[in-house]
Amino acid sequence: MKKRRRTSFLLAYKAEEALRKAVAEAIAEHRRKGVPIAIWRNGKVVRIPAEQIEVREPQVEYRVSPRKRKKN
């Protein structure tokens, strides 16, 4: 059971990282093509013109270090 939880836990982090990268790529593409984006700010939809879009690298907040294997 532990292995299953760990696997799903790691999969969730990988999925979140992939989502962050996809969003960053989509935002960068909007900027390149000159297409505004819409965001949710203070309970309202706000359109950001392409020239005001800030393109940032996605931040990966979670790092899972591999466990050391026990030697027999």
PDB file of N, CA and C in Angstrom:
ATOM      1  N   MET A   1       0.817  -1.199   0.000  1.00  0.00           N
ATOM      2  CA  MET A   1       0.000   0.000   0.000  1.00  0.00           C
ATOM      3  C   MET A   1       0.863   1.266   0.000  1.00  0.00           C
ATOM      4  N   LYS A   2       1.978   1.227   0.732  1.00  0.00           N
ATOM      5  CA  LYS A   2       2.844   2.397   0.779  1.00  0.00           C
ATOM      6  C   LYS A   2       3.385   2.749  -0.591  1.00  0.00           C
ATOM      7  N   LYS A   3       3.801   1.739  -1.350  1.00  0.00           N
ATOM      8  CA  LYS A   3       4.364   1.986  -2.661  1.00  0.00           C
ATOM      9  C   LYS A   3       3.339   2.654  -3.572  1.00  0.00           C
ATOM     10  N   ARG A   4       2.102   2.237  -3.476  1.00  0.00           N
ATOM     11  CA  ARG A   4       1.046   2.817  -4.307  1.00  0.00           C
ATOM     12  C   ARG A   4       0.845   4.287  -3.966  1.00  0.00           C
ATOM     13  N   ARG A   5       0.837   4.617  -2.690  1.00  0.00           N
ATOM     14  CA  ARG A   5       0.672   6.014  -2.278  1.00  0.00           C
ATOM     15  C   ARG A   5       1.844   6.855  -2.755  1.00  0.00           C
ATOM     16  N   ARG A   6       3.045   6.330  -2.620  1.00  0.00           N
ATOM     17  CA  ARG A   6       4.233   7.077  -3.043  1.00  0.00           C
ATOM     18  C   ARG A   6       4.197   7.314  -4.549  1.00  0.00           C
ATOM     19  N   THR A   7       3.797   6.297  -5.301  1.00  0.00           N
ATOM     20  CA  THR A   7       3.735   6.425  -6.750  1.00  0.00           C
ATOM     21  C   THR A   7       2.716   7.482  -7.153  1.00  0.00           C
ATOM     22  N   SER A   8       1.549   7.466  -6.553  1.00  0.00           N
ATOM     23  CA  SER A   8       0.527   8.462  -6.896  1.00  0.00           C
ATOM     24  C   SER A   8       0.954   9.848  -6.441  1.00  0.00           C
ATOM     25  N   PHE A   9       1.684   9.914  -5.333  1.00  0.00           N
ATOM     26  CA  PHE A   9       2.203  11.181  -4.823  1.00  0.00           C
ATOM     27  C   PHE A   9       3.194  11.772  -5.829  1.00  0.00           C
ATOM     28  N   LEU A  10       4.120  10.951  -6.321  1.00  0.00           N
ATOM     29  CA  LEU A  10       5.098  11.411  -7.304  1.00  0.00           C
ATOM     30  C   LEU A  10       4.420  11.778  -8.612  1.00  0.00           C
ATOM     31  N   LEU A  11       3.433  11.014  -9.009  1.00  0.00           N
ATOM     32  CA  LEU A  11       2.708  11.294 -10.240  1.00  0.00           C
ATOM     33  C   LEU A  11       2.003  12.654 -10.156  1.00  0.00           C
ATOM     34  N   ALA A  12       1.465  12.976  -9.001  1.00  0.00           N
ATOM     35  CA  ALA A  12       0.800  14.268  -8.818  1.00  0.00           C
ATOM     36  C   ALA A  12       1.790  15.420  -9.009  1.00  0.00           C
ATOM     37  N   TYR A  13       3.002  15.276  -8.495  1.00  0.00           N
ATOM     38  CA  TYR A  13       4.009  16.319  -8.670  1.00  0.00           C
ATOM     39  C   TYR A  13       4.418  16.454 -10.133  1.00  0.00           C
ATOM     40  N   LYS A  14       4.579  15.331 -10.804  1.00  0.00           N
ATOM     41  CA  LYS A  14       4.936  15.369 -12.219  1.00  0.00           C
ATOM     42  C   LYS A  14       3.828  16.021 -13.041  1.00  0.00           C
ATOM     43  N   ALA A  15       2.583  15.724 -12.711  1.00  0.00           N
ATOM     44  CA  ALA A  15       1.447  16.314 -13.423  1.00  0.00           C
ATOM     45  C   ALA A  15       1.406  17.821 -13.206  1.00  0.00           C
ATOM     46  N   GLU A  16       1.642  18.253 -11.982  1.00  0.00           N
ATOM     47  CA  GLU A  16       1.642  19.690 -11.696  1.00  0.00           C
ATOM     48  C   GLU A  16       2.773  20.390 -12.434  1.00  0.00           C
ATOM     49  N   GLU A  17       3.934  19.777 -12.477  1.00  0.00           N
ATOM     50  CA  GLU A  17       5.067  20.363 -13.191  1.00  0.00           C
ATOM     51  C   GLU A  17       4.756  20.478 -14.683  1.00  0.00           C
ATOM     52  N   ALA A  18       4.159  19.451 -15.260  1.00  0.00           N
ATOM     53  CA  ALA A  18       3.791  19.483 -16.675  1.00  0.00           C
ATOM     54  C   ALA A  18       2.763  20.581 -16.948  1.00  0.00           C
ATOM     55  N   LEU A  19       1.815  20.740 -16.040  1.00  0.00           N
ATOM     56  CA  LEU A  19       0.804  21.784 -16.195  1.00  0.00           C
ATOM     57  C   LEU A  19       1.434  23.169 -16.145  1.00  0.00           C
ATOM     58  N   ARG A  20       2.349  23.378 -15.215  1.00  0.00           N
ATOM     59  CA  ARG A  20       3.033  24.675 -15.119  1.00  0.00           C
ATOM     60  C   ARG A  20       3.801  24.995 -16.400  1.00  0.00           C
ATOM     61  N   LYS A  21       4.483  23.995 -16.954  1.00  0.00           N
ATOM     62  CA  LYS A  21       5.236  24.202 -18.191  1.00  0.00           C
ATOM     63  C   LYS A  21       4.296  24.529 -19.345  1.00  0.00           C
ATOM     64  N   ALA A  22       3.174  23.826 -19.427  1.00  0.00           N
ATOM     65  CA  ALA A  22       2.213  24.051 -20.508  1.00  0.00           C
ATOM     66  C   ALA A  22       1.621  25.459 -20.426  1.00  0.00           C
ATOM     67  N   VAL A  23       1.324  25.919 -19.224  1.00  0.00           N
ATOM     68  CA  VAL A  23       0.776  27.272 -19.052  1.00  0.00           C
ATOM     69  C   VAL A  23       1.822  28.310 -19.453  1.00  0.00           C
ATOM     70  N   ALA A  24       3.069  28.115 -19.034  1.00  0.00           N
ATOM     71  CA  ALA A  24       4.141  29.053 -19.384  1.00  0.00           C
ATOM     72  C   ALA A  24       4.320  29.122 -20.905  1.00  0.00           C
ATOM     73  N   GLU A  25       4.258  27.979 -21.576  1.00  0.00           N
ATOM     74  CA  GLU A  25       4.388  27.952 -23.037  1.00  0.00           C
ATOM     75  C   GLU A  25       3.211  28.659 -23.705  1.00  0.00           C
ATOM     76  N   ALA A  26       2.009  28.445 -23.189  1.00  0.00           N
ATOM     77  CA  ALA A  26       0.820  29.092 -23.764  1.00  0.00           C
ATOM     78  C   ALA A  26       0.894  30.609 -23.602  1.00  0.00           C
ATOM     79  N   ILE A  27       1.340  31.069 -22.449  1.00  0.00           N
ATOM     80  CA  ILE A  27       1.464  32.512 -22.211  1.00  0.00           C
ATOM     81  C   ILE A  27       2.519  33.111 -23.137  1.00  0.00           C
ATOM     82  N   ALA A  28       3.651  32.423 -23.281  1.00  0.00           N
ATOM     83  CA  ALA A  28       4.710  32.906 -24.175  1.00  0.00           C
ATOM     84  C   ALA A  28       4.215  32.974 -25.619  1.00  0.00           C
ATOM     85  N   GLU A  29       3.420  32.000 -26.024  1.00  0.00           N
ATOM     86  CA  GLU A  29       2.887  31.990 -27.384  1.00  0.00           C
ATOM     87  C   GLU A  29       1.924  33.162 -27.601  1.00  0.00           C
ATOM     88  N   HIS A  30       1.110  33.474 -26.626  1.00  0.00           N
ATOM     89  CA  HIS A  30       0.208  34.628 -26.731  1.00  0.00           C
ATOM     90  C   HIS A  30       1.020  35.904 -26.920  1.00  0.00           C
ATOM     91  N   ARG A  31       2.084  36.037 -26.151  1.00  0.00           N
ATOM     92  CA  ARG A  31       2.941  37.233 -26.258  1.00  0.00           C
ATOM     93  C   ARG A  31       3.550  37.326 -27.660  1.00  0.00           C
ATOM     94  N   ARG A  32       4.097  36.207 -28.165  1.00  0.00           N
ATOM     95  CA  ARG A  32       4.732  36.201 -29.497  1.00  0.00           C
ATOM     96  C   ARG A  32       3.745  36.559 -30.603  1.00  0.00           C
ATOM     97  N   LYS A  33       2.524  36.039 -30.489  1.00  0.00           N
ATOM     98  CA  LYS A  33       1.526  36.258 -31.547  1.00  0.00           C
ATOM     99  C   LYS A  33       0.749  37.568 -31.384  1.00  0.00           C
ATOM    100  N   GLY A  34       0.953  38.244 -30.247  1.00  0.00           N
ATOM    101  CA  GLY A  34       0.254  39.509 -30.034  1.00  0.00           C
ATOM    102  C   GLY A  34      -1.193  39.346 -29.615  1.00  0.00           C
ATOM    103  N   VAL A  35      -1.511  38.211 -29.004  1.00  0.00           N
ATOM    104  CA  VAL A  35      -2.885  37.927 -28.589  1.00  0.00           C
ATOM    105  C   VAL A  35      -3.012  38.180 -27.081  1.00  0.00           C
ATOM    106  N   PRO A  36      -4.000  38.968 -26.650  1.00  0.00           N
ATOM    107  CA  PRO A  36      -4.161  39.205 -25.209  1.00  0.00           C
ATOM    108  C   PRO A  36      -4.600  37.933 -24.479  1.00  0.00           C
ATOM    109  N   ILE A  37      -4.372  37.919 -23.177  1.00  0.00           N
ATOM    110  CA  ILE A  37      -4.837  36.804 -22.353  1.00  0.00           C
ATOM    111  C   ILE A  37      -5.863  37.333 -21.363  1.00  0.00           C
ATOM    112  N   ALA A  38      -6.695  36.445 -20.875  1.00  0.00           N
ATOM    113  CA  ALA A  38      -7.688  36.801 -19.864  1.00  0.00           C
ATOM    114  C   ALA A  38      -7.316  36.084 -18.572  1.00  0.00           C
ATOM    115  N   ILE A  39      -7.348  36.826 -17.469  1.00  0.00           N
ATOM    116  CA  ILE A  39      -7.051  36.257 -16.154  1.00  0.00           C
ATOM    117  C   ILE A  39      -8.167  36.624 -15.191  1.00  0.00           C
ATOM    118  N   TRP A  40      -8.204  35.944 -14.065  1.00  0.00           N
ATOM    119  CA  TRP A  40      -9.179  36.209 -13.023  1.00  0.00           C
ATOM    120  C   TRP A  40      -8.471  37.003 -11.932  1.00  0.00           C
ATOM    121  N   ARG A  41      -8.931  38.236 -11.665  1.00  0.00           N
ATOM    122  CA  ARG A  41      -8.302  39.084 -10.659  1.00  0.00           C
ATOM    123  C   ARG A  41      -9.387  39.776  -9.826  1.00  0.00           C
ATOM    124  N   ASN A  42      -9.331  39.574  -8.533  1.00  0.00           N
ATOM    125  CA  ASN A  42     -10.283  40.197  -7.606  1.00  0.00           C
ATOM    126  C   ASN A  42     -11.739  39.923  -7.982  1.00  0.00           C
ATOM    127  N   GLY A  43     -12.024  38.703  -8.372  1.00  0.00           N
ATOM    128  CA  GLY A  43     -13.390  38.311  -8.684  1.00  0.00           C
ATOM    129  C   GLY A  43     -13.902  38.759 -10.030  1.00  0.00           C
ATOM    130  N   LYS A  44     -13.004  39.283 -10.879  1.00  0.00           N
ATOM    131  CA  LYS A  44     -13.423  39.743 -12.202  1.00  0.00           C
ATOM    132  C   LYS A  44     -12.453  39.231 -13.260  1.00  0.00           C
ATOM    133  N   VAL A  45     -12.948  39.126 -14.491  1.00  0.00           N
ATOM    134  CA  VAL A  45     -12.097  38.754 -15.618  1.00  0.00           C
ATOM    135  C   VAL A  45     -11.419  40.023 -16.126  1.00  0.00           C
ATOM    136  N   VAL A  46     -10.087  39.924 -16.273  1.00  0.00           N
ATOM    137  CA  VAL A  46      -9.302  41.067 -16.749  1.00  0.00           C
ATOM    138  C   VAL A  46      -8.516  40.626 -17.978  1.00  0.00           C
ATOM    139  N   ARG A  47      -8.556  41.435 -19.038  1.00  0.00           N
ATOM    140  CA  ARG A  47      -7.775  41.136 -20.247  1.00  0.00           C
ATOM    141  C   ARG A  47      -6.438  41.863 -20.169  1.00  0.00           C
ATOM    142  N   ILE A  48      -5.373  41.120 -20.420  1.00  0.00           N
ATOM    143  CA  ILE A  48      -4.022  41.676 -20.404  1.00  0.00           C
ATOM    144  C   ILE A  48      -3.548  41.781 -21.856  1.00  0.00           C
ATOM    145  N   PRO A  49      -3.228  42.989 -22.319  1.00  0.00           N
ATOM    146  CA  PRO A  49      -2.721  43.126 -23.692  1.00  0.00           C
ATOM    147  C   PRO A  49      -1.397  42.379 -23.855  1.00  0.00           C
ATOM    148  N   ALA A  50      -1.136  41.905 -25.062  1.00  0.00           N
ATOM    149  CA  ALA A  50       0.058  41.083 -25.323  1.00  0.00           C
ATOM    150  C   ALA A  50       1.343  41.789 -24.922  1.00  0.00           C
ATOM    151  N   GLU A  51       1.423  43.094 -25.150  1.00  0.00           N
ATOM    152  CA  GLU A  51       2.661  43.819 -24.826  1.00  0.00           C
ATOM    153  C   GLU A  51       2.909  43.943 -23.319  1.00  0.00           C
ATOM    154  N   GLN A  52       1.893  43.678 -22.506  1.00  0.00           N
ATOM    155  CA  GLN A  52       2.049  43.738 -21.044  1.00  0.00           C
ATOM    156  C   GLN A  52       2.216  42.360 -20.399  1.00  0.00           C
ATOM    157  N   ILE A  53       2.183  41.317 -21.199  1.00  0.00           N
ATOM    158  CA  ILE A  53       2.320  39.961 -20.660  1.00  0.00           C
ATOM    159  C   ILE A  53       3.758  39.731 -20.226  1.00  0.00           C
ATOM    160  N   GLU A  54       3.939  39.273 -18.988  1.00  0.00           N
ATOM    161  CA  GLU A  54       5.263  38.931 -18.473  1.00  0.00           C
ATOM    162  C   GLU A  54       5.466  37.431 -18.647  1.00  0.00           C
ATOM    163  N   VAL A  55       6.492  37.059 -19.371  1.00  0.00           N
ATOM    164  CA  VAL A  55       6.796  35.650 -19.591  1.00  0.00           C
ATOM    165  C   VAL A  55       7.852  35.237 -18.585  1.00  0.00           C
ATOM    166  N   ARG A  56       7.525  34.245 -17.762  1.00  0.00           N
ATOM    167  CA  ARG A  56       8.450  33.741 -16.752  1.00  0.00           C
ATOM    168  C   ARG A  56       8.634  32.246 -16.937  1.00  0.00           C
ATOM    169  N   GLU A  57       9.762  31.766 -16.488  1.00  0.00           N
ATOM    170  CA  GLU A  57      10.005  30.326 -16.484  1.00  0.00           C
ATOM    171  C   GLU A  57       9.149  29.705 -15.389  1.00  0.00           C
ATOM    172  N   PRO A  58       8.581  28.541 -15.640  1.00  0.00           N
ATOM    173  CA  PRO A  58       7.770  27.907 -14.594  1.00  0.00           C
ATOM    174  C   PRO A  58       8.634  27.535 -13.392  1.00  0.00           C
ATOM    175  N   GLN A  59       8.118  27.770 -12.221  1.00  0.00           N
ATOM    176  CA  GLN A  59       8.821  27.441 -10.990  1.00  0.00           C
ATOM    177  C   GLN A  59       8.412  26.056 -10.531  1.00  0.00           C
ATOM    178  N   VAL A  60       9.375  25.234 -10.277  1.00  0.00           N
ATOM    179  CA  VAL A  60       9.105  23.903  -9.746  1.00  0.00           C
ATOM    180  C   VAL A  60       9.377  23.981  -8.253  1.00  0.00           C
ATOM    181  N   GLU A  61       8.329  23.834  -7.472  1.00  0.00           N
ATOM    182  CA  GLU A  61       8.461  24.008  -6.025  1.00  0.00           C
ATOM    183  C   GLU A  61       8.794  22.710  -5.299  1.00  0.00           C
ATOM    184  N   TYR A  62       8.473  21.596  -5.916  1.00  0.00           N
ATOM    185  CA  TYR A  62       8.610  20.329  -5.215  1.00  0.00           C
ATOM    186  C   TYR A  62       9.720  19.495  -5.823  1.00  0.00           C
ATOM    187  N   ARG A  63      10.589  19.024  -4.981  1.00  0.00           N
ATOM    188  CA  ARG A  63      11.640  18.107  -5.400  1.00  0.00           C
ATOM    189  C   ARG A  63      11.613  16.916  -4.466  1.00  0.00           C
ATOM    190  N   VAL A  64      11.538  15.767  -5.028  1.00  0.00           N
ATOM    191  CA  VAL A  64      11.531  14.554  -4.230  1.00  0.00           C
ATOM    192  C   VAL A  64      12.849  13.848  -4.478  1.00  0.00           C
ATOM    193  N   SER A  65      13.631  13.713  -3.427  1.00  0.00           N
ATOM    194  CA  SER A  65      14.921  13.053  -3.589  1.00  0.00           C
ATOM    195  C   SER A  65      14.731  11.545  -3.485  1.00  0.00           C
ATOM    196  N   PRO A  66      15.469  10.808  -4.298  1.00  0.00           N
ATOM    197  CA  PRO A  66      15.340   9.347  -4.234  1.00  0.00           C
ATOM    198  C   PRO A  66      15.881   8.820  -2.913  1.00  0.00           C
ATOM    199  N   ARG A  67      15.236   7.801  -2.419  1.00  0.00           N
ATOM    200  CA  ARG A  67      15.690   7.202  -1.159  1.00  0.00           C
ATOM    201  C   ARG A  67      16.906   6.340  -1.414  1.00  0.00           C
ATOM    202  N   LYS A  68      17.772   6.316  -0.455  1.00  0.00           N
ATOM    203  CA  LYS A  68      18.949   5.456  -0.574  1.00  0.00           C
ATOM    204  C   LYS A  68      18.534   4.018  -0.341  1.00  0.00           C
ATOM    205  N   ARG A  69      19.047   3.158  -1.157  1.00  0.00           N
ATOM    206  CA  ARG A  69      18.727   1.734  -1.015  1.00  0.00           C
ATOM    207  C   ARG A  69      19.570   1.144   0.092  1.00  0.00           C
ATOM    208  N   LYS A  70      18.950   0.240   0.804  1.00  0.00           N
ATOM    209  CA  LYS A  70      19.666  -0.465   1.872  1.00  0.00           C
ATOM    210  C   LYS A  70      20.535  -1.545   1.262  1.00  0.00           C
ATOM    211  N   LYS A  71      21.766  -1.629   1.719  1.00  0.00           N
ATOM    212  CA  LYS A  71      22.667  -2.676   1.256  1.00  0.00           C
ATOM    213  C   LYS A  71      22.573  -3.856   2.196  1.00  0.00           C
ATOM    214  N   ASN A  72      22.529  -5.044   1.649  1.00  0.00           N
ATOM    215  CA  ASN A  72      22.440  -6.245   2.466  1.00  0.00           C
ATOM    216  C   ASN A  72      23.795  -6.702   2.906  1.00  0.00           C
TER     217      ASN A  72
END
